[in-house]
PDB file of all heavy atoms in Angstrom:
ATOM      1  N   GLY A   1       0.756  -1.140  -0.010  1.00  0.00           N
ATOM      2  CA  GLY A   1      -0.021  -0.051   0.051  1.00  0.00           C
ATOM      3  C   GLY A   1       0.804   1.251  -0.002  1.00  0.00           C
ATOM      4  O   GLY A   1       0.573   2.283  -0.734  1.00  0.00           O
ATOM      5  N   LEU A   2       1.976   1.171   0.841  1.00  0.00           N
ATOM      6  CA  LEU A   2       2.868   2.409   0.797  1.00  0.00           C
ATOM      7  C   LEU A   2       3.474   2.632  -0.638  1.00  0.00           C
ATOM      8  O   LEU A   2       3.555   3.811  -1.091  1.00  0.00           O
ATOM      9  CB  LEU A   2       3.985   2.221   1.911  1.00  0.00           C
ATOM     10  CG  LEU A   2       4.981   3.271   2.082  1.00  0.00           C
ATOM     11  CD1 LEU A   2       4.168   4.664   2.569  1.00  0.00           C
ATOM     12  CD2 LEU A   2       5.965   2.850   3.043  1.00  0.00           C
ATOM     13  N   LEU A   3       3.943   1.599  -1.158  1.00  0.00           N
ATOM     14  CA  LEU A   3       4.630   1.741  -2.508  1.00  0.00           C
ATOM     15  C   LEU A   3       3.651   2.207  -3.626  1.00  0.00           C
ATOM     16  O   LEU A   3       4.042   2.796  -4.530  1.00  0.00           O
ATOM     17  CB  LEU A   3       5.252   0.443  -2.937  1.00  0.00           C
ATOM     18  CG  LEU A   3       6.446  -0.085  -2.010  1.00  0.00           C
ATOM     19  CD1 LEU A   3       6.976  -1.442  -2.577  1.00  0.00           C
ATOM     20  CD2 LEU A   3       7.604   1.063  -2.042  1.00  0.00           C
ATOM     21  N   THR A   4       2.330   1.821  -3.334  1.00  0.00           N
ATOM     22  CA  THR A   4       1.309   2.193  -4.311  1.00  0.00           C
ATOM     23  C   THR A   4       0.943   3.772  -4.033  1.00  0.00           C
ATOM     24  O   THR A   4       0.671   4.423  -5.130  1.00  0.00           O
ATOM     25  CB  THR A   4       0.054   1.407  -4.192  1.00  0.00           C
ATOM     26  OG1 THR A   4       0.327   0.046  -4.357  1.00  0.00           O
ATOM     27  CG2 THR A   4      -0.995   1.777  -5.245  1.00  0.00           C
ATOM     28  N   PHE A   5       0.981   4.079  -2.794  1.00  0.00           N
ATOM     29  CA  PHE A   5       0.567   5.541  -2.551  1.00  0.00           C
ATOM     30  C   PHE A   5       1.610   6.477  -2.808  1.00  0.00           C
ATOM     31  O   PHE A   5       1.232   7.628  -3.193  1.00  0.00           O
ATOM     32  CB  PHE A   5       0.251   5.552  -0.976  1.00  0.00           C
ATOM     33  CG  PHE A   5       0.011   6.997  -0.422  1.00  0.00           C
ATOM     34  CD1 PHE A   5      -1.213   7.569  -0.825  1.00  0.00           C
ATOM     35  CD2 PHE A   5       0.887   7.573   0.334  1.00  0.00           C
ATOM     36  CE1 PHE A   5      -1.468   8.897  -0.379  1.00  0.00           C
ATOM     37  CE2 PHE A   5       0.692   8.883   0.773  1.00  0.00           C
ATOM     38  CZ  PHE A   5      -0.450   9.507   0.473  1.00  0.00           C
ATOM     39  N   ILE A   6       2.876   6.255  -2.626  1.00  0.00           N
ATOM     40  CA  ILE A   6       3.946   7.213  -2.842  1.00  0.00           C
ATOM     41  C   ILE A   6       4.032   7.820  -4.212  1.00  0.00           C
ATOM     42  O   ILE A   6       4.003   9.014  -4.269  1.00  0.00           O
ATOM     43  CB  ILE A   6       5.253   6.641  -2.392  1.00  0.00           C
ATOM     44  CG1 ILE A   6       5.443   6.329  -0.943  1.00  0.00           C
ATOM     45  CG2 ILE A   6       6.448   7.584  -2.945  1.00  0.00           C
ATOM     46  CD1 ILE A   6       6.668   5.801  -0.488  1.00  0.00           C
ATOM     47  N   PRO A   7       3.878   7.132  -5.277  1.00  0.00           N
ATOM     48  CA  PRO A   7       3.789   7.704  -6.574  1.00  0.00           C
ATOM     49  C   PRO A   7       2.646   8.714  -6.760  1.00  0.00           C
ATOM     50  O   PRO A   7       2.719   9.793  -7.313  1.00  0.00           O
ATOM     51  CB  PRO A   7       3.770   6.606  -7.561  1.00  0.00           C
ATOM     52  CG  PRO A   7       4.282   5.380  -6.890  1.00  0.00           C
ATOM     53  CD  PRO A   7       3.927   5.654  -5.488  1.00  0.00           C
ATOM     54  N   LEU A   8       1.461   8.205  -6.231  1.00  0.00           N
ATOM     55  CA  LEU A   8       0.319   9.151  -6.319  1.00  0.00           C
ATOM     56  C   LEU A   8       0.487  10.402  -5.465  1.00  0.00           C
ATOM     57  O   LEU A   8       0.069  11.500  -5.887  1.00  0.00           O
ATOM     58  CB  LEU A   8      -0.961   8.287  -5.805  1.00  0.00           C
ATOM     59  CG  LEU A   8      -1.314   7.115  -6.610  1.00  0.00           C
ATOM     60  CD1 LEU A   8      -2.492   6.337  -5.800  1.00  0.00           C
ATOM     61  CD2 LEU A   8      -1.683   7.411  -7.992  1.00  0.00           C
ATOM     62  N   TRP A   9       1.134  10.286  -4.332  1.00  0.00           N
ATOM     63  CA  TRP A   9       1.461  11.423  -3.481  1.00  0.00           C
ATOM     64  C   TRP A   9       2.302  12.390  -4.133  1.00  0.00           C
ATOM     65  O   TRP A   9       2.127  13.554  -4.056  1.00  0.00           O
ATOM     66  CB  TRP A   9       1.908  10.936  -2.106  1.00  0.00           C
ATOM     67  CG  TRP A   9       2.182  12.010  -1.165  1.00  0.00           C
ATOM     68  CD1 TRP A   9       1.263  12.797  -0.623  1.00  0.00           C
ATOM     69  CD2 TRP A   9       3.431  12.358  -0.587  1.00  0.00           C
ATOM     70  NE1 TRP A   9       1.904  13.759   0.239  1.00  0.00           N
ATOM     71  CE2 TRP A   9       3.251  13.450   0.362  1.00  0.00           C
ATOM     72  CE3 TRP A   9       4.746  11.803  -0.733  1.00  0.00           C
ATOM     73  CZ2 TRP A   9       4.225  13.964   1.029  1.00  0.00           C
ATOM     74  CZ3 TRP A   9       5.797  12.445   0.072  1.00  0.00           C
ATOM     75  CH2 TRP A   9       5.524  13.469   0.832  1.00  0.00           C
ATOM     76  N   VAL A  10       3.385  11.821  -4.706  1.00  0.00           N
ATOM     77  CA  VAL A  10       4.422  12.719  -5.338  1.00  0.00           C
ATOM     78  C   VAL A  10       3.782  13.493  -6.612  1.00  0.00           C
ATOM     79  O   VAL A  10       4.032  14.635  -6.723  1.00  0.00           O
ATOM     80  CB  VAL A  10       5.733  11.897  -5.780  1.00  0.00           C
ATOM     81  CG1 VAL A  10       6.495  12.774  -6.731  1.00  0.00           C
ATOM     82  CG2 VAL A  10       6.375  11.355  -4.539  1.00  0.00           C
ATOM     83  N   THR A  11       3.011  12.672  -7.366  1.00  0.00           N
ATOM     84  CA  THR A  11       2.302  13.283  -8.484  1.00  0.00           C
ATOM     85  C   THR A  11       1.362  14.378  -8.034  1.00  0.00           C
ATOM     86  O   THR A  11       1.348  15.452  -8.624  1.00  0.00           O
ATOM     87  CB  THR A  11       1.510  12.139  -9.278  1.00  0.00           C
ATOM     88  OG1 THR A  11       2.321  11.237  -9.628  1.00  0.00           O
ATOM     89  CG2 THR A  11       0.886  12.751 -10.535  1.00  0.00           C
ATOM     90  N   TRP A  12       0.630  14.129  -6.906  1.00  0.00           N
ATOM     91  CA  TRP A  12      -0.295  15.117  -6.424  1.00  0.00           C
ATOM     92  C   TRP A  12       0.473  16.496  -5.927  1.00  0.00           C
ATOM     93  O   TRP A  12       0.007  17.525  -6.146  1.00  0.00           O
ATOM     94  CB  TRP A  12      -1.085  14.569  -5.172  1.00  0.00           C
ATOM     95  CG  TRP A  12      -1.720  15.658  -4.412  1.00  0.00           C
ATOM     96  CD1 TRP A  12      -1.495  15.950  -3.119  1.00  0.00           C
ATOM     97  CD2 TRP A  12      -2.809  16.531  -4.702  1.00  0.00           C
ATOM     98  NE1 TRP A  12      -2.310  16.897  -2.651  1.00  0.00           N
ATOM     99  CE2 TRP A  12      -3.081  17.336  -3.628  1.00  0.00           C
ATOM    100  CE3 TRP A  12      -3.458  16.689  -5.905  1.00  0.00           C
ATOM    101  CZ2 TRP A  12      -4.097  18.271  -3.738  1.00  0.00           C
ATOM    102  CZ3 TRP A  12      -4.417  17.733  -5.970  1.00  0.00           C
ATOM    103  CH2 TRP A  12      -4.808  18.453  -4.881  1.00  0.00           C
ATOM    104  N   LEU A  13       1.636  16.163  -5.243  1.00  0.00           N
ATOM    105  CA  LEU A  13       2.406  17.334  -4.832  1.00  0.00           C
ATOM    106  C   LEU A  13       2.786  18.178  -5.965  1.00  0.00           C
ATOM    107  O   LEU A  13       2.728  19.479  -5.891  1.00  0.00           O
ATOM    108  CB  LEU A  13       3.627  16.831  -3.918  1.00  0.00           C
ATOM    109  CG  LEU A  13       3.283  16.274  -2.594  1.00  0.00           C
ATOM    110  CD1 LEU A  13       4.692  15.836  -1.958  1.00  0.00           C
ATOM    111  CD2 LEU A  13       2.604  17.316  -1.704  1.00  0.00           C
ATOM    112  N   VAL A  14       3.267  17.575  -7.031  1.00  0.00           N
ATOM    113  CA  VAL A  14       3.796  18.305  -8.146  1.00  0.00           C
ATOM    114  C   VAL A  14       2.647  19.133  -8.805  1.00  0.00           C
ATOM    115  O   VAL A  14       2.668  20.300  -9.241  1.00  0.00           O
ATOM    116  CB  VAL A  14       4.469  17.421  -9.206  1.00  0.00           C
ATOM    117  CG1 VAL A  14       4.728  18.196 -10.467  1.00  0.00           C
ATOM    118  CG2 VAL A  14       5.745  16.819  -8.616  1.00  0.00           C
ATOM    119  N   PHE A  15       1.466  18.330  -9.013  1.00  0.00           N
ATOM    120  CA  PHE A  15       0.313  19.048  -9.690  1.00  0.00           C
ATOM    121  C   PHE A  15      -0.225  20.172  -8.711  1.00  0.00           C
ATOM    122  O   PHE A  15      -0.723  21.155  -9.232  1.00  0.00           O
ATOM    123  CB  PHE A  15      -0.699  18.024  -9.841  1.00  0.00           C
ATOM    124  CG  PHE A  15      -0.668  17.441 -11.318  1.00  0.00           C
ATOM    125  CD1 PHE A  15       0.161  16.287 -11.428  1.00  0.00           C
ATOM    126  CD2 PHE A  15      -1.154  17.948 -12.469  1.00  0.00           C
ATOM    127  CE1 PHE A  15       0.275  15.677 -12.780  1.00  0.00           C
ATOM    128  CE2 PHE A  15      -1.008  17.475 -13.732  1.00  0.00           C
ATOM    129  CZ  PHE A  15      -0.292  16.322 -13.856  1.00  0.00           C
ATOM    130  N   LYS A  16      -0.214  19.855  -7.368  1.00  0.00           N
ATOM    131  CA  LYS A  16      -0.634  20.931  -6.529  1.00  0.00           C
ATOM    132  C   LYS A  16       0.039  22.140  -6.661  1.00  0.00           C
ATOM    133  O   LYS A  16      -0.402  23.192  -6.573  1.00  0.00           O
ATOM    134  CB  LYS A  16      -0.720  20.309  -5.026  1.00  0.00           C
ATOM    135  CG  LYS A  16      -1.175  21.267  -3.996  1.00  0.00           C
ATOM    136  CD  LYS A  16      -1.250  20.598  -2.705  1.00  0.00           C
ATOM    137  CE  LYS A  16      -1.797  21.590  -1.559  1.00  0.00           C
ATOM    138  NZ  LYS A  16      -1.733  20.967  -0.159  1.00  0.00           N
ATOM    139  N   PHE A  17       1.364  21.924  -6.677  1.00  0.00           N
ATOM    140  CA  PHE A  17       2.224  23.136  -6.820  1.00  0.00           C
ATOM    141  C   PHE A  17       1.999  23.882  -8.076  1.00  0.00           C
ATOM    142  O   PHE A  17       1.961  25.089  -8.001  1.00  0.00           O
ATOM    143  CB  PHE A  17       3.636  22.674  -6.670  1.00  0.00           C
ATOM    144  CG  PHE A  17       4.603  23.792  -6.959  1.00  0.00           C
ATOM    145  CD1 PHE A  17       5.048  24.779  -6.108  1.00  0.00           C
ATOM    146  CD2 PHE A  17       5.284  23.912  -8.173  1.00  0.00           C
ATOM    147  CE1 PHE A  17       5.959  25.781  -6.268  1.00  0.00           C
ATOM    148  CE2 PHE A  17       6.132  24.897  -8.562  1.00  0.00           C
ATOM    149  CZ  PHE A  17       6.579  25.760  -7.461  1.00  0.00           C
ATOM    150  N   VAL A  18       1.871  23.207  -9.054  1.00  0.00           N
ATOM    151  CA  VAL A  18       1.687  23.750 -10.472  1.00  0.00           C
ATOM    152  C   VAL A  18       0.375  24.545 -10.542  1.00  0.00           C
ATOM    153  O   VAL A  18       0.115  25.654 -10.912  1.00  0.00           O
ATOM    154  CB  VAL A  18       1.902  22.788 -11.624  1.00  0.00           C
ATOM    155  CG1 VAL A  18       1.636  23.515 -12.950  1.00  0.00           C
ATOM    156  CG2 VAL A  18       3.308  22.315 -11.541  1.00  0.00           C
ATOM    157  N   LEU A  19      -0.704  23.736 -10.160  1.00  0.00           N
ATOM    158  CA  LEU A  19      -2.076  24.233 -10.253  1.00  0.00           C
ATOM    159  C   LEU A  19      -2.167  25.520  -9.240  1.00  0.00           C
ATOM    160  O   LEU A  19      -2.943  26.485  -9.561  1.00  0.00           O
ATOM    161  CB  LEU A  19      -3.051  23.100  -9.876  1.00  0.00           C
ATOM    162  CG  LEU A  19      -3.111  22.094 -10.887  1.00  0.00           C
ATOM    163  CD1 LEU A  19      -4.239  21.000 -10.425  1.00  0.00           C
ATOM    164  CD2 LEU A  19      -3.479  22.577 -12.257  1.00  0.00           C
ATOM    165  N   GLY A  20      -1.587  25.339  -8.081  1.00  0.00           N
ATOM    166  CA  GLY A  20      -1.669  26.469  -7.071  1.00  0.00           C
ATOM    167  C   GLY A  20      -0.908  27.679  -7.663  1.00  0.00           C
ATOM    168  O   GLY A  20      -1.443  28.810  -7.483  1.00  0.00           O
ATOM    169  N   LEU A  21       0.108  27.449  -8.328  1.00  0.00           N
ATOM    170  CA  LEU A  21       0.849  28.672  -8.912  1.00  0.00           C
ATOM    171  C   LEU A  21      -0.072  29.318  -9.974  1.00  0.00           C
ATOM    172  O   LEU A  21      -0.030  30.540 -10.041  1.00  0.00           O
ATOM    173  CB  LEU A  21       2.136  28.178  -9.547  1.00  0.00           C
ATOM    174  CG  LEU A  21       3.092  29.183 -10.099  1.00  0.00           C
ATOM    175  CD1 LEU A  21       3.593  30.105  -9.014  1.00  0.00           C
ATOM    176  CD2 LEU A  21       4.305  28.541 -10.755  1.00  0.00           C
ATOM    177  N   LEU A  22      -0.713  28.528 -10.880  1.00  0.00           N
ATOM    178  CA  LEU A  22      -1.508  29.053 -11.854  1.00  0.00           C
ATOM    179  C   LEU A  22      -2.764  29.743 -11.318  1.00  0.00           C
ATOM    180  O   LEU A  22      -3.164  30.871 -11.754  1.00  0.00           O
ATOM    181  CB  LEU A  22      -1.889  27.939 -12.769  1.00  0.00           C
ATOM    182  CG  LEU A  22      -0.858  27.251 -13.756  1.00  0.00           C
ATOM    183  CD1 LEU A  22      -1.374  26.120 -14.438  1.00  0.00           C
ATOM    184  CD2 LEU A  22      -0.173  28.298 -14.555  1.00  0.00           C
ATOM    185  N   ALA A  23      -3.418  29.109 -10.346  1.00  0.00           N
ATOM    186  CA  ALA A  23      -4.499  29.716  -9.674  1.00  0.00           C
ATOM    187  C   ALA A  23      -4.187  31.072  -8.980  1.00  0.00           C
ATOM    188  O   ALA A  23      -4.963  31.924  -8.907  1.00  0.00           O
ATOM    189  CB  ALA A  23      -5.164  28.730  -8.733  1.00  0.00           C
ATOM    190  N   GLY A  24      -2.956  31.106  -8.366  1.00  0.00           N
ATOM    191  CA  GLY A  24      -2.666  32.271  -7.747  1.00  0.00           C
ATOM    192  C   GLY A  24      -2.394  33.487  -8.705  1.00  0.00           C
ATOM    193  O   GLY A  24      -2.612  34.620  -8.260  1.00  0.00           O
ATOM    194  N   ILE A  25      -2.183  33.215  -9.984  1.00  0.00           N
ATOM    195  CA  ILE A  25      -2.127  34.245 -10.881  1.00  0.00           C
ATOM    196  C   ILE A  25      -3.507  34.946 -11.172  1.00  0.00           C
ATOM    197  O   ILE A  25      -3.675  36.030 -11.314  1.00  0.00           O
ATOM    198  CB  ILE A  25      -1.469  33.771 -12.306  1.00  0.00           C
ATOM    199  CG1 ILE A  25      -0.062  33.279 -12.046  1.00  0.00           C
ATOM    200  CG2 ILE A  25      -1.470  34.840 -13.303  1.00  0.00           C
ATOM    201  CD1 ILE A  25       0.588  32.583 -13.226  1.00  0.00           C
ATOM    202  N   GLY A  26      -4.483  34.045 -11.222  1.00  0.00           N
ATOM    203  CA  GLY A  26      -5.855  34.495 -11.561  1.00  0.00           C
ATOM    204  C   GLY A  26      -6.613  35.020 -10.335  1.00  0.00           C
ATOM    205  O   GLY A  26      -7.742  35.463 -10.434  1.00  0.00           O
ATOM    206  N   ALA A  27      -6.163  34.712  -9.083  1.00  0.00           N
ATOM    207  CA  ALA A  27      -6.911  34.910  -7.847  1.00  0.00           C
ATOM    208  C   ALA A  27      -7.152  36.472  -7.633  1.00  0.00           C
ATOM    209  O   ALA A  27      -8.280  36.694  -7.264  1.00  0.00           O
ATOM    210  CB  ALA A  27      -6.103  34.377  -6.726  1.00  0.00           C
ATOM    211  N   PRO A  28      -6.254  37.341  -8.032  1.00  0.00           N
ATOM    212  CA  PRO A  28      -6.621  38.778  -7.693  1.00  0.00           C
ATOM    213  C   PRO A  28      -7.719  39.150  -8.573  1.00  0.00           C
ATOM    214  O   PRO A  28      -8.555  40.041  -8.241  1.00  0.00           O
ATOM    215  CB  PRO A  28      -5.309  39.540  -8.097  1.00  0.00           C
ATOM    216  CG  PRO A  28      -4.234  38.442  -7.881  1.00  0.00           C
ATOM    217  CD  PRO A  28      -4.828  37.149  -8.193  1.00  0.00           C
ATOM    218  N   LEU A  29      -7.785  38.618  -9.812  1.00  0.00           N
ATOM    219  CA  LEU A  29      -8.922  39.062 -10.766  1.00  0.00           C
ATOM    220  C   LEU A  29     -10.199  38.551 -10.325  1.00  0.00           C
ATOM    221  O   LEU A  29     -11.273  39.274 -10.338  1.00  0.00           O
ATOM    222  CB  LEU A  29      -8.664  38.511 -12.183  1.00  0.00           C
ATOM    223  CG  LEU A  29      -9.707  38.825 -13.304  1.00  0.00           C
ATOM    224  CD1 LEU A  29      -9.941  40.266 -13.378  1.00  0.00           C
ATOM    225  CD2 LEU A  29      -9.374  38.189 -14.526  1.00  0.00           C
ATOM    226  N   VAL A  30     -10.216  37.293  -9.829  1.00  0.00           N
ATOM    227  CA  VAL A  30     -11.609  36.740  -9.084  1.00  0.00           C
ATOM    228  C   VAL A  30     -11.861  37.592  -7.901  1.00  0.00           C
ATOM    229  O   VAL A  30     -13.206  37.838  -7.804  1.00  0.00           O
ATOM    230  CB  VAL A  30     -11.250  35.317  -8.728  1.00  0.00           C
ATOM    231  CG1 VAL A  30     -12.491  34.705  -8.079  1.00  0.00           C
ATOM    232  CG2 VAL A  30     -10.917  34.494 -10.092  1.00  0.00           C
TER     233      VAL A  30
END
């Protein structure tokens, strides 16, 4: 279970960082 979870967790961290960065650009307009 740990070996299955770690790739998903790392992928989520990377996407969370990228998506958060992109959302932060449009946040002032919203």
